[in-house]
Amino acid sequence: MSEKKYKPQLIARESAIKIIYQMKINNISLDEVMSGFVEKRPYDYNLLKRILDEYLLNIDEIVSILNEKTDVSFDNIPILDLCIIQLSVCEYMYINKTKNIIINEYINIAKKYSSPKMYTFLNKILDNTL
């Protein structure tokens, strides 16, 4: 069996989604989530920290951008899907302006963690927003 090669940036993005999800679902702070956070695979700690910091600093602007550039009501979207959408916009706006990389990475995450149709929905949202 071949050992799967881990991509530290992808694992950092997945971890950020898991952390924000835990914050939202349990209504707790980043510090509370991080006190129990464990990721055994090697990940890019600096990218994870930067994504989380930018997200927390800019969540109101991220929500505003999504509301302005899409005609979608985010009220009934599952929390995990909302985390994926918001973090993809966050990373593009404040960290990495490479649209193709952001879209591809977050669509792959959506395929892995969300419902089968989420990645097509995410693609539409990101095309309209980024």
N, C-alpha and C. Protein backbone atom coordinates (compact mmCIF):
# COMPACT_ATOMS: atom_id res chain seq x y z
N MET A 1 0.83 -1.18 0.00
CA MET A 1 0.00 0.00 0.00
C MET A 1 0.88 1.25 0.00
N SER A 2 0.59 2.18 -0.86
CA SER A 2 1.38 3.40 -0.89
C SER A 2 0.86 4.37 0.17
N GLU A 3 1.78 5.09 0.77
CA GLU A 3 1.39 6.05 1.79
C GLU A 3 0.92 7.33 1.12
N LYS A 4 -0.19 7.85 1.59
CA LYS A 4 -0.74 9.07 1.01
C LYS A 4 0.13 10.26 1.38
N LYS A 5 0.43 11.08 0.39
CA LYS A 5 1.25 12.25 0.64
C LYS A 5 0.33 13.40 1.07
N TYR A 6 0.63 13.97 2.22
CA TYR A 6 -0.20 15.06 2.74
C TYR A 6 0.29 16.40 2.22
N LYS A 7 -0.66 17.28 1.97
CA LYS A 7 -0.35 18.62 1.52
C LYS A 7 -0.60 19.56 2.70
N PRO A 8 0.46 20.11 3.28
CA PRO A 8 0.32 20.93 4.49
C PRO A 8 -0.66 22.10 4.35
N GLN A 9 -0.70 22.75 3.16
CA GLN A 9 -1.61 23.87 2.98
C GLN A 9 -3.07 23.40 2.96
N LEU A 10 -3.33 22.28 2.30
CA LEU A 10 -4.68 21.73 2.26
C LEU A 10 -5.14 21.33 3.65
N ILE A 11 -4.27 20.71 4.41
CA ILE A 11 -4.62 20.30 5.77
C ILE A 11 -4.87 21.52 6.65
N ALA A 12 -4.12 22.59 6.44
CA ALA A 12 -4.36 23.84 7.18
C ALA A 12 -5.74 24.39 6.86
N ARG A 13 -6.12 24.35 5.58
CA ARG A 13 -7.45 24.84 5.18
C ARG A 13 -8.56 23.97 5.78
N GLU A 14 -8.38 22.65 5.71
CA GLU A 14 -9.37 21.74 6.31
C GLU A 14 -9.48 21.99 7.81
N SER A 15 -8.35 22.18 8.46
CA SER A 15 -8.34 22.43 9.90
C SER A 15 -9.06 23.73 10.24
N ALA A 16 -8.84 24.77 9.44
CA ALA A 16 -9.52 26.05 9.66
C ALA A 16 -11.03 25.87 9.58
N ILE A 17 -11.49 25.11 8.61
CA ILE A 17 -12.93 24.86 8.48
C ILE A 17 -13.45 24.12 9.71
N LYS A 18 -12.73 23.10 10.15
CA LYS A 18 -13.14 22.34 11.33
C LYS A 18 -13.20 23.22 12.58
N ILE A 19 -12.22 24.10 12.72
CA ILE A 19 -12.16 24.98 13.89
C ILE A 19 -13.30 25.99 13.88
N ILE A 20 -13.52 26.64 12.75
CA ILE A 20 -14.62 27.62 12.65
C ILE A 20 -15.96 26.92 12.84
N TYR A 21 -16.10 25.72 12.29
CA TYR A 21 -17.32 24.95 12.48
C TYR A 21 -17.57 24.71 13.97
N GLN A 22 -16.54 24.28 14.68
CA GLN A 22 -16.68 24.04 16.12
C GLN A 22 -17.06 25.31 16.86
N MET A 23 -16.48 26.43 16.48
CA MET A 23 -16.82 27.71 17.11
C MET A 23 -18.30 28.04 16.91
N LYS A 24 -18.78 27.84 15.68
CA LYS A 24 -20.17 28.19 15.36
C LYS A 24 -21.16 27.22 16.01
N ILE A 25 -20.89 25.94 15.90
CA ILE A 25 -21.84 24.93 16.36
C ILE A 25 -21.95 24.91 17.89
N ASN A 26 -20.83 25.19 18.57
CA ASN A 26 -20.82 25.16 20.04
C ASN A 26 -20.86 26.55 20.68
N ASN A 27 -20.85 27.59 19.83
CA ASN A 27 -20.87 28.97 20.30
C ASN A 27 -19.76 29.22 21.33
N ILE A 28 -18.54 28.88 20.93
CA ILE A 28 -17.38 29.05 21.81
C ILE A 28 -16.29 29.83 21.09
N SER A 29 -15.31 30.28 21.84
CA SER A 29 -14.24 31.11 21.29
C SER A 29 -13.18 30.26 20.58
N LEU A 30 -12.35 30.96 19.83
CA LEU A 30 -11.22 30.31 19.15
C LEU A 30 -10.30 29.66 20.18
N ASP A 31 -10.02 30.35 21.27
CA ASP A 31 -9.14 29.79 22.30
C ASP A 31 -9.71 28.49 22.87
N GLU A 32 -11.02 28.45 23.08
CA GLU A 32 -11.63 27.23 23.61
C GLU A 32 -11.51 26.07 22.62
N VAL A 33 -11.71 26.34 21.34
CA VAL A 33 -11.57 25.28 20.34
C VAL A 33 -10.11 24.84 20.25
N MET A 34 -9.19 25.80 20.20
CA MET A 34 -7.78 25.48 20.04
C MET A 34 -7.22 24.69 21.22
N SER A 35 -7.80 24.86 22.41
CA SER A 35 -7.29 24.13 23.57
C SER A 35 -7.48 22.62 23.42
N GLY A 36 -8.44 22.22 22.60
CA GLY A 36 -8.66 20.80 22.38
C GLY A 36 -8.39 20.34 20.95
N PHE A 37 -7.84 21.23 20.12
CA PHE A 37 -7.63 20.90 18.72
C PHE A 37 -6.44 19.98 18.54
N VAL A 38 -6.65 18.91 17.77
CA VAL A 38 -5.58 17.96 17.46
C VAL A 38 -5.63 17.66 15.98
N GLU A 39 -4.51 17.81 15.31
CA GLU A 39 -4.37 17.40 13.91
C GLU A 39 -3.07 16.62 13.84
N LYS A 40 -3.18 15.33 13.56
CA LYS A 40 -2.00 14.46 13.57
C LYS A 40 -1.20 14.56 12.28
N ARG A 41 -1.83 14.94 11.20
CA ARG A 41 -1.11 15.10 9.94
C ARG A 41 -0.32 16.40 9.96
N PRO A 42 0.82 16.44 9.29
CA PRO A 42 1.59 17.70 9.25
C PRO A 42 0.82 18.77 8.47
N TYR A 43 0.77 19.97 9.02
CA TYR A 43 0.05 21.06 8.36
C TYR A 43 0.84 22.35 8.47
N ASP A 44 0.47 23.31 7.65
CA ASP A 44 1.10 24.62 7.62
C ASP A 44 0.50 25.48 8.73
N TYR A 45 1.17 25.50 9.87
CA TYR A 45 0.65 26.23 11.04
C TYR A 45 0.47 27.71 10.74
N ASN A 46 1.42 28.31 10.03
CA ASN A 46 1.34 29.75 9.74
C ASN A 46 0.13 30.07 8.87
N LEU A 47 -0.16 29.24 7.88
CA LEU A 47 -1.34 29.46 7.05
C LEU A 47 -2.61 29.30 7.88
N LEU A 48 -2.68 28.27 8.70
CA LEU A 48 -3.85 28.07 9.55
C LEU A 48 -4.07 29.29 10.44
N LYS A 49 -3.04 29.75 11.09
CA LYS A 49 -3.16 30.91 11.98
C LYS A 49 -3.60 32.14 11.21
N ARG A 50 -3.03 32.33 10.04
CA ARG A 50 -3.38 33.52 9.24
C ARG A 50 -4.83 33.46 8.77
N ILE A 51 -5.29 32.29 8.32
CA ILE A 51 -6.69 32.15 7.89
C ILE A 51 -7.62 32.47 9.05
N LEU A 52 -7.35 31.89 10.21
CA LEU A 52 -8.22 32.11 11.38
C LEU A 52 -8.20 33.57 11.81
N ASP A 53 -7.01 34.17 11.86
CA ASP A 53 -6.91 35.59 12.26
C ASP A 53 -7.67 36.49 11.30
N GLU A 54 -7.46 36.29 10.00
CA GLU A 54 -8.14 37.13 9.00
C GLU A 54 -9.65 36.92 9.04
N TYR A 55 -10.06 35.69 9.23
CA TYR A 55 -11.49 35.39 9.32
C TYR A 55 -12.12 36.15 10.48
N LEU A 56 -11.52 36.04 11.66
CA LEU A 56 -12.09 36.68 12.84
C LEU A 56 -12.08 38.20 12.73
N LEU A 57 -11.04 38.75 12.11
CA LEU A 57 -10.96 40.20 11.94
C LEU A 57 -11.95 40.73 10.90
N ASN A 58 -12.27 39.91 9.91
CA ASN A 58 -13.01 40.41 8.74
C ASN A 58 -14.34 39.72 8.47
N ILE A 59 -14.87 38.97 9.42
CA ILE A 59 -16.09 38.20 9.15
C ILE A 59 -17.24 39.10 8.70
N ASP A 60 -17.39 40.27 9.28
CA ASP A 60 -18.49 41.15 8.88
C ASP A 60 -18.35 41.58 7.42
N GLU A 61 -17.13 41.89 7.01
CA GLU A 61 -16.89 42.28 5.62
C GLU A 61 -17.09 41.09 4.67
N ILE A 62 -16.69 39.90 5.09
CA ILE A 62 -16.87 38.69 4.28
C ILE A 62 -18.36 38.44 4.04
N VAL A 63 -19.14 38.54 5.11
CA VAL A 63 -20.59 38.34 4.99
C VAL A 63 -21.19 39.41 4.08
N SER A 64 -20.75 40.64 4.24
CA SER A 64 -21.24 41.73 3.41
C SER A 64 -20.92 41.51 1.92
N ILE A 65 -19.70 41.07 1.64
CA ILE A 65 -19.30 40.79 0.25
C ILE A 65 -20.17 39.68 -0.35
N LEU A 66 -20.37 38.63 0.42
CA LEU A 66 -21.20 37.52 -0.07
C LEU A 66 -22.63 37.97 -0.34
N ASN A 67 -23.19 38.77 0.55
CA ASN A 67 -24.56 39.26 0.37
C ASN A 67 -24.66 40.20 -0.82
N GLU A 68 -23.62 41.00 -1.02
CA GLU A 68 -23.60 41.99 -2.11
C GLU A 68 -23.44 41.34 -3.48
N LYS A 69 -22.61 40.31 -3.57
CA LYS A 69 -22.24 39.75 -4.87
C LYS A 69 -23.02 38.50 -5.26
N THR A 70 -23.88 38.02 -4.38
CA THR A 70 -24.68 36.85 -4.72
C THR A 70 -26.14 37.13 -4.42
N ASP A 71 -27.00 36.33 -5.01
CA ASP A 71 -28.43 36.46 -4.73
C ASP A 71 -28.92 35.29 -3.87
N VAL A 72 -28.03 34.75 -3.08
CA VAL A 72 -28.31 33.57 -2.27
C VAL A 72 -28.60 33.99 -0.84
N SER A 73 -29.62 33.37 -0.24
CA SER A 73 -29.87 33.55 1.18
C SER A 73 -29.07 32.50 1.92
N PHE A 74 -28.19 32.93 2.80
CA PHE A 74 -27.31 32.01 3.52
C PHE A 74 -27.93 31.53 4.83
N ASP A 75 -29.17 31.94 5.10
CA ASP A 75 -29.82 31.59 6.37
C ASP A 75 -30.06 30.09 6.53
N ASN A 76 -30.34 29.40 5.45
CA ASN A 76 -30.68 27.98 5.55
C ASN A 76 -29.58 27.05 5.07
N ILE A 77 -28.40 27.58 4.86
CA ILE A 77 -27.27 26.76 4.42
C ILE A 77 -26.67 26.07 5.63
N PRO A 78 -26.38 24.79 5.53
CA PRO A 78 -25.75 24.09 6.66
C PRO A 78 -24.48 24.81 7.11
N ILE A 79 -24.22 24.75 8.42
CA ILE A 79 -23.09 25.48 9.00
C ILE A 79 -21.76 25.08 8.36
N LEU A 80 -21.56 23.80 8.12
CA LEU A 80 -20.30 23.37 7.51
C LEU A 80 -20.12 24.00 6.14
N ASP A 81 -21.16 24.02 5.34
CA ASP A 81 -21.09 24.62 4.00
C ASP A 81 -20.82 26.12 4.11
N LEU A 82 -21.45 26.77 5.07
CA LEU A 82 -21.22 28.20 5.28
C LEU A 82 -19.76 28.47 5.67
N CYS A 83 -19.20 27.61 6.49
CA CYS A 83 -17.78 27.74 6.87
C CYS A 83 -16.88 27.64 5.64
N ILE A 84 -17.16 26.67 4.79
CA ILE A 84 -16.37 26.49 3.57
C ILE A 84 -16.47 27.72 2.68
N ILE A 85 -17.66 28.22 2.49
CA ILE A 85 -17.88 29.41 1.65
C ILE A 85 -17.15 30.62 2.23
N GLN A 86 -17.37 30.88 3.51
CA GLN A 86 -16.78 32.07 4.12
C GLN A 86 -15.25 32.01 4.16
N LEU A 87 -14.70 30.84 4.46
CA LEU A 87 -13.25 30.74 4.52
C LEU A 87 -12.61 30.83 3.14
N SER A 88 -13.28 30.33 2.12
CA SER A 88 -12.73 30.47 0.77
C SER A 88 -12.68 31.93 0.36
N VAL A 89 -13.73 32.68 0.66
CA VAL A 89 -13.74 34.11 0.35
C VAL A 89 -12.69 34.83 1.20
N CYS A 90 -12.60 34.47 2.46
CA CYS A 90 -11.60 35.07 3.35
C CYS A 90 -10.19 34.88 2.81
N GLU A 91 -9.86 33.65 2.46
CA GLU A 91 -8.50 33.39 1.99
C GLU A 91 -8.20 34.16 0.71
N TYR A 92 -9.17 34.21 -0.19
CA TYR A 92 -8.94 34.95 -1.44
C TYR A 92 -8.78 36.45 -1.17
N MET A 93 -9.64 37.00 -0.34
CA MET A 93 -9.63 38.45 -0.11
C MET A 93 -8.41 38.92 0.66
N TYR A 94 -7.92 38.12 1.60
CA TYR A 94 -6.91 38.63 2.52
C TYR A 94 -5.57 37.88 2.51
N ILE A 95 -5.49 36.75 1.81
CA ILE A 95 -4.27 35.95 1.90
C ILE A 95 -3.70 35.59 0.53
N ASN A 96 -4.52 35.02 -0.33
CA ASN A 96 -4.02 34.48 -1.59
C ASN A 96 -4.96 34.87 -2.72
N LYS A 97 -4.52 35.77 -3.57
CA LYS A 97 -5.36 36.27 -4.67
C LYS A 97 -5.34 35.37 -5.91
N THR A 98 -4.84 34.15 -5.78
CA THR A 98 -4.80 33.23 -6.90
C THR A 98 -6.14 32.50 -6.98
N LYS A 99 -7.03 33.04 -7.79
CA LYS A 99 -8.41 32.57 -7.85
C LYS A 99 -8.51 31.07 -8.14
N ASN A 100 -7.77 30.57 -9.12
CA ASN A 100 -7.87 29.15 -9.48
C ASN A 100 -7.47 28.23 -8.34
N ILE A 101 -6.42 28.60 -7.61
CA ILE A 101 -5.98 27.77 -6.49
C ILE A 101 -7.05 27.74 -5.41
N ILE A 102 -7.58 28.89 -5.06
CA ILE A 102 -8.60 28.96 -4.01
C ILE A 102 -9.83 28.16 -4.41
N ILE A 103 -10.32 28.38 -5.62
CA ILE A 103 -11.51 27.65 -6.07
C ILE A 103 -11.26 26.14 -6.06
N ASN A 104 -10.15 25.70 -6.62
CA ASN A 104 -9.86 24.26 -6.69
C ASN A 104 -9.71 23.65 -5.30
N GLU A 105 -8.97 24.30 -4.41
CA GLU A 105 -8.75 23.77 -3.08
C GLU A 105 -10.06 23.63 -2.31
N TYR A 106 -10.87 24.68 -2.32
CA TYR A 106 -12.10 24.65 -1.53
C TYR A 106 -13.18 23.77 -2.17
N ILE A 107 -13.18 23.63 -3.47
CA ILE A 107 -14.10 22.68 -4.11
C ILE A 107 -13.71 21.26 -3.72
N ASN A 108 -12.42 20.96 -3.69
CA ASN A 108 -11.98 19.63 -3.26
C ASN A 108 -12.35 19.37 -1.80
N ILE A 109 -12.24 20.38 -0.97
CA ILE A 109 -12.65 20.24 0.44
C ILE A 109 -14.16 19.99 0.51
N ALA A 110 -14.92 20.73 -0.28
CA ALA A 110 -16.38 20.55 -0.28
C ALA A 110 -16.75 19.14 -0.75
N LYS A 111 -16.05 18.63 -1.75
CA LYS A 111 -16.31 17.26 -2.21
C LYS A 111 -16.04 16.25 -1.11
N LYS A 112 -15.03 16.52 -0.30
CA LYS A 112 -14.63 15.58 0.75
C LYS A 112 -15.55 15.63 1.97
N TYR A 113 -15.99 16.83 2.36
CA TYR A 113 -16.69 16.99 3.63
C TYR A 113 -18.17 17.31 3.53
N SER A 114 -18.65 17.68 2.36
CA SER A 114 -20.02 18.16 2.28
C SER A 114 -20.88 17.27 1.39
N SER A 115 -22.08 17.75 1.15
CA SER A 115 -23.02 17.00 0.32
C SER A 115 -22.56 16.97 -1.13
N PRO A 116 -23.03 16.00 -1.91
CA PRO A 116 -22.56 15.86 -3.30
C PRO A 116 -22.77 17.10 -4.18
N LYS A 117 -23.81 17.87 -3.92
CA LYS A 117 -24.08 19.03 -4.77
C LYS A 117 -23.42 20.31 -4.28
N MET A 118 -22.83 20.28 -3.11
CA MET A 118 -22.24 21.49 -2.53
C MET A 118 -21.14 22.07 -3.39
N TYR A 119 -20.30 21.22 -3.98
CA TYR A 119 -19.17 21.78 -4.73
C TYR A 119 -19.62 22.55 -5.97
N THR A 120 -20.72 22.15 -6.59
CA THR A 120 -21.20 22.92 -7.74
C THR A 120 -21.79 24.26 -7.26
N PHE A 121 -22.47 24.22 -6.13
CA PHE A 121 -23.00 25.44 -5.53
C PHE A 121 -21.85 26.37 -5.14
N LEU A 122 -20.82 25.82 -4.51
CA LEU A 122 -19.65 26.59 -4.11
C LEU A 122 -18.97 27.22 -5.33
N ASN A 123 -18.84 26.45 -6.39
CA ASN A 123 -18.23 26.96 -7.62
C ASN A 123 -18.99 28.18 -8.13
N LYS A 124 -20.31 28.11 -8.12
CA LYS A 124 -21.14 29.23 -8.57
C LYS A 124 -20.94 30.45 -7.67
N ILE A 125 -20.94 30.23 -6.36
CA ILE A 125 -20.75 31.31 -5.41
C ILE A 125 -19.39 31.98 -5.61
N LEU A 126 -18.36 31.15 -5.71
CA LEU A 126 -17.01 31.71 -5.84
C LEU A 126 -16.81 32.41 -7.18
N ASP A 127 -17.39 31.88 -8.24
CA ASP A 127 -17.31 32.57 -9.54
C ASP A 127 -17.94 33.96 -9.47
N ASN A 128 -19.04 34.07 -8.74
CA ASN A 128 -19.72 35.36 -8.62
C ASN A 128 -19.04 36.32 -7.64
N THR A 129 -18.32 35.75 -6.68
CA THR A 129 -17.78 36.57 -5.58
C THR A 129 -16.33 36.96 -5.77
N LEU A 130 -15.50 36.04 -6.26
CA LEU A 130 -14.07 36.32 -6.34
C LEU A 130 -13.70 37.09 -7.61
